[in-house]
Amino acid sequence: MFSPVWDGPFVAICLHESGIPENHPALKQSVEWLMAKGNPFSRDWIHKNPADVEPSGWVFEFNNQ
């Protein structure tokens, strides 16, 4: 199974904690890519969060719904 969106934040955190500065082009690009993958229509959000909170989430792979 390939899970780039799921694993992306873990890799970015590890890179930053290993000494790569937050303004490094590769780290900035990975965070921008991840933010673009956000899914504001996460289905499980409705069942686990208050109605007055804006839904948000990320897909597991690339663009699965």
N, C-alpha and C. Protein backbone atom coordinates (compact mmCIF):
# COMPACT_ATOMS: atom_id res chain seq x y z
N MET A 1 0.84 -1.17 0.00
CA MET A 1 0.00 0.00 0.00
C MET A 1 0.89 1.24 0.00
N PHE A 2 0.49 2.21 -0.76
CA PHE A 2 1.24 3.45 -0.89
C PHE A 2 0.43 4.56 -0.25
N SER A 3 0.98 5.24 0.73
CA SER A 3 0.21 6.24 1.48
C SER A 3 0.97 7.55 1.64
N PRO A 4 1.21 8.26 0.53
CA PRO A 4 2.02 9.48 0.61
C PRO A 4 1.39 10.60 1.44
N VAL A 5 0.08 10.74 1.39
CA VAL A 5 -0.55 11.81 2.16
C VAL A 5 -0.52 11.46 3.64
N TRP A 6 -0.78 10.22 3.96
CA TRP A 6 -0.77 9.77 5.34
C TRP A 6 0.64 9.88 5.94
N ASP A 7 1.65 9.47 5.18
CA ASP A 7 3.03 9.45 5.68
C ASP A 7 3.74 10.80 5.57
N GLY A 8 3.24 11.69 4.71
CA GLY A 8 3.91 12.96 4.47
C GLY A 8 4.20 13.78 5.71
N PRO A 9 3.24 13.97 6.60
CA PRO A 9 3.52 14.77 7.80
C PRO A 9 4.60 14.15 8.69
N PHE A 10 4.61 12.81 8.77
CA PHE A 10 5.63 12.15 9.59
C PHE A 10 7.03 12.40 9.02
N VAL A 11 7.15 12.33 7.71
CA VAL A 11 8.44 12.57 7.07
C VAL A 11 8.87 14.03 7.27
N ALA A 12 7.94 14.96 7.09
CA ALA A 12 8.27 16.38 7.26
C ALA A 12 8.72 16.67 8.70
N ILE A 13 8.04 16.09 9.66
CA ILE A 13 8.43 16.28 11.07
C ILE A 13 9.82 15.71 11.32
N CYS A 14 10.08 14.52 10.80
CA CYS A 14 11.39 13.89 10.99
C CYS A 14 12.50 14.71 10.34
N LEU A 15 12.25 15.21 9.14
CA LEU A 15 13.25 16.04 8.48
C LEU A 15 13.55 17.30 9.29
N HIS A 16 12.50 17.94 9.77
CA HIS A 16 12.69 19.16 10.55
C HIS A 16 13.43 18.87 11.86
N GLU A 17 13.05 17.79 12.53
CA GLU A 17 13.69 17.45 13.80
C GLU A 17 15.13 16.98 13.61
N SER A 18 15.48 16.54 12.40
CA SER A 18 16.85 16.11 12.15
C SER A 18 17.77 17.29 11.82
N GLY A 19 17.20 18.50 11.75
CA GLY A 19 18.03 19.68 11.56
C GLY A 19 17.77 20.46 10.29
N ILE A 20 16.89 19.98 9.42
CA ILE A 20 16.57 20.74 8.21
C ILE A 20 15.71 21.93 8.63
N PRO A 21 16.11 23.14 8.28
CA PRO A 21 15.34 24.31 8.70
C PRO A 21 13.97 24.37 8.02
N GLU A 22 13.03 25.00 8.70
CA GLU A 22 11.66 25.06 8.18
C GLU A 22 11.55 25.84 6.88
N ASN A 23 12.53 26.66 6.57
CA ASN A 23 12.48 27.42 5.32
C ASN A 23 13.24 26.73 4.18
N HIS A 24 13.67 25.50 4.38
CA HIS A 24 14.35 24.74 3.32
C HIS A 24 13.35 24.48 2.19
N PRO A 25 13.75 24.70 0.93
CA PRO A 25 12.82 24.56 -0.19
C PRO A 25 12.11 23.20 -0.26
N ALA A 26 12.82 22.12 0.01
CA ALA A 26 12.19 20.79 -0.06
C ALA A 26 11.13 20.62 1.02
N LEU A 27 11.41 21.12 2.20
CA LEU A 27 10.45 21.00 3.30
C LEU A 27 9.24 21.90 3.04
N LYS A 28 9.48 23.10 2.56
CA LYS A 28 8.37 24.00 2.23
C LYS A 28 7.48 23.41 1.15
N GLN A 29 8.10 22.83 0.13
CA GLN A 29 7.33 22.23 -0.96
C GLN A 29 6.51 21.05 -0.47
N SER A 30 7.06 20.24 0.43
CA SER A 30 6.31 19.09 0.93
C SER A 30 5.10 19.53 1.76
N VAL A 31 5.26 20.58 2.54
CA VAL A 31 4.14 21.09 3.33
C VAL A 31 3.07 21.72 2.43
N GLU A 32 3.49 22.44 1.42
CA GLU A 32 2.52 23.02 0.48
C GLU A 32 1.74 21.93 -0.25
N TRP A 33 2.43 20.85 -0.64
CA TRP A 33 1.77 19.73 -1.31
C TRP A 33 0.75 19.10 -0.37
N LEU A 34 1.15 18.91 0.88
CA LEU A 34 0.25 18.30 1.86
C LEU A 34 -0.98 19.17 2.10
N MET A 35 -0.78 20.46 2.25
CA MET A 35 -1.91 21.36 2.50
C MET A 35 -2.89 21.37 1.32
N ALA A 36 -2.38 21.21 0.12
CA ALA A 36 -3.24 21.16 -1.07
C ALA A 36 -4.07 19.89 -1.11
N LYS A 37 -3.66 18.86 -0.37
CA LYS A 37 -4.39 17.59 -0.35
C LYS A 37 -5.49 17.57 0.71
N GLY A 38 -5.66 18.65 1.46
CA GLY A 38 -6.69 18.70 2.49
C GLY A 38 -8.07 18.45 1.92
N ASN A 39 -8.90 17.77 2.69
CA ASN A 39 -10.25 17.42 2.26
C ASN A 39 -11.24 18.02 3.26
N PRO A 40 -11.90 19.10 2.90
CA PRO A 40 -12.84 19.72 3.84
C PRO A 40 -14.17 18.98 3.97
N PHE A 41 -14.30 17.86 3.28
CA PHE A 41 -15.56 17.11 3.32
C PHE A 41 -15.36 15.72 3.91
N SER A 42 -14.50 15.61 4.89
CA SER A 42 -14.22 14.34 5.53
C SER A 42 -15.51 13.77 6.13
N ARG A 43 -15.91 12.60 5.68
CA ARG A 43 -17.20 12.02 6.09
C ARG A 43 -17.28 11.66 7.56
N ASP A 44 -16.20 11.16 8.13
CA ASP A 44 -16.28 10.76 9.54
C ASP A 44 -16.28 11.96 10.48
N TRP A 45 -15.95 13.12 9.97
CA TRP A 45 -15.93 14.33 10.79
C TRP A 45 -17.30 14.59 11.42
N ILE A 46 -18.35 14.39 10.67
CA ILE A 46 -19.71 14.66 11.12
C ILE A 46 -20.05 13.87 12.37
N HIS A 47 -19.54 12.66 12.46
CA HIS A 47 -19.90 11.76 13.56
C HIS A 47 -19.02 11.93 14.81
N LYS A 48 -17.89 12.59 14.67
CA LYS A 48 -16.95 12.63 15.79
C LYS A 48 -16.65 14.03 16.31
N ASN A 49 -17.30 15.07 15.76
CA ASN A 49 -16.98 16.43 16.16
C ASN A 49 -18.24 17.27 16.28
N PRO A 50 -18.18 18.33 17.05
CA PRO A 50 -19.35 19.21 17.21
C PRO A 50 -19.77 19.84 15.88
N ALA A 51 -21.03 20.15 15.78
CA ALA A 51 -21.60 20.70 14.55
C ALA A 51 -21.05 22.08 14.22
N ASP A 52 -20.57 22.82 15.22
CA ASP A 52 -20.10 24.18 14.96
C ASP A 52 -18.61 24.27 14.62
N VAL A 53 -17.98 23.12 14.39
CA VAL A 53 -16.57 23.10 14.02
C VAL A 53 -16.45 22.79 12.53
N GLU A 54 -15.63 23.58 11.83
CA GLU A 54 -15.46 23.39 10.39
C GLU A 54 -14.79 22.05 10.09
N PRO A 55 -15.35 21.24 9.18
CA PRO A 55 -14.75 19.93 8.86
C PRO A 55 -13.42 20.07 8.16
N SER A 56 -12.58 19.07 8.36
CA SER A 56 -11.27 19.06 7.73
C SER A 56 -10.69 17.66 7.82
N GLY A 57 -9.72 17.39 7.00
CA GLY A 57 -9.05 16.10 7.05
C GLY A 57 -8.19 15.89 5.82
N TRP A 58 -7.54 14.75 5.76
CA TRP A 58 -6.70 14.38 4.62
C TRP A 58 -7.06 12.99 4.18
N VAL A 59 -6.87 12.74 2.90
CA VAL A 59 -7.08 11.41 2.35
C VAL A 59 -5.89 10.54 2.67
N PHE A 60 -6.05 9.23 2.52
CA PHE A 60 -4.96 8.29 2.84
C PHE A 60 -3.95 8.23 1.71
N GLU A 61 -4.43 8.13 0.49
CA GLU A 61 -3.53 8.00 -0.64
C GLU A 61 -3.39 9.34 -1.36
N PHE A 62 -3.87 9.44 -2.60
CA PHE A 62 -3.73 10.70 -3.33
C PHE A 62 -5.01 11.51 -3.32
N ASN A 63 -6.06 11.00 -3.92
CA ASN A 63 -7.32 11.73 -4.01
C ASN A 63 -8.52 10.87 -3.70
N ASN A 64 -8.34 9.81 -2.94
CA ASN A 64 -9.49 8.95 -2.66
C ASN A 64 -10.51 9.69 -1.83
N GLN A 65 -11.76 9.39 -2.05
CA GLN A 65 -12.85 10.07 -1.34
C GLN A 65 -13.32 9.23 -0.18
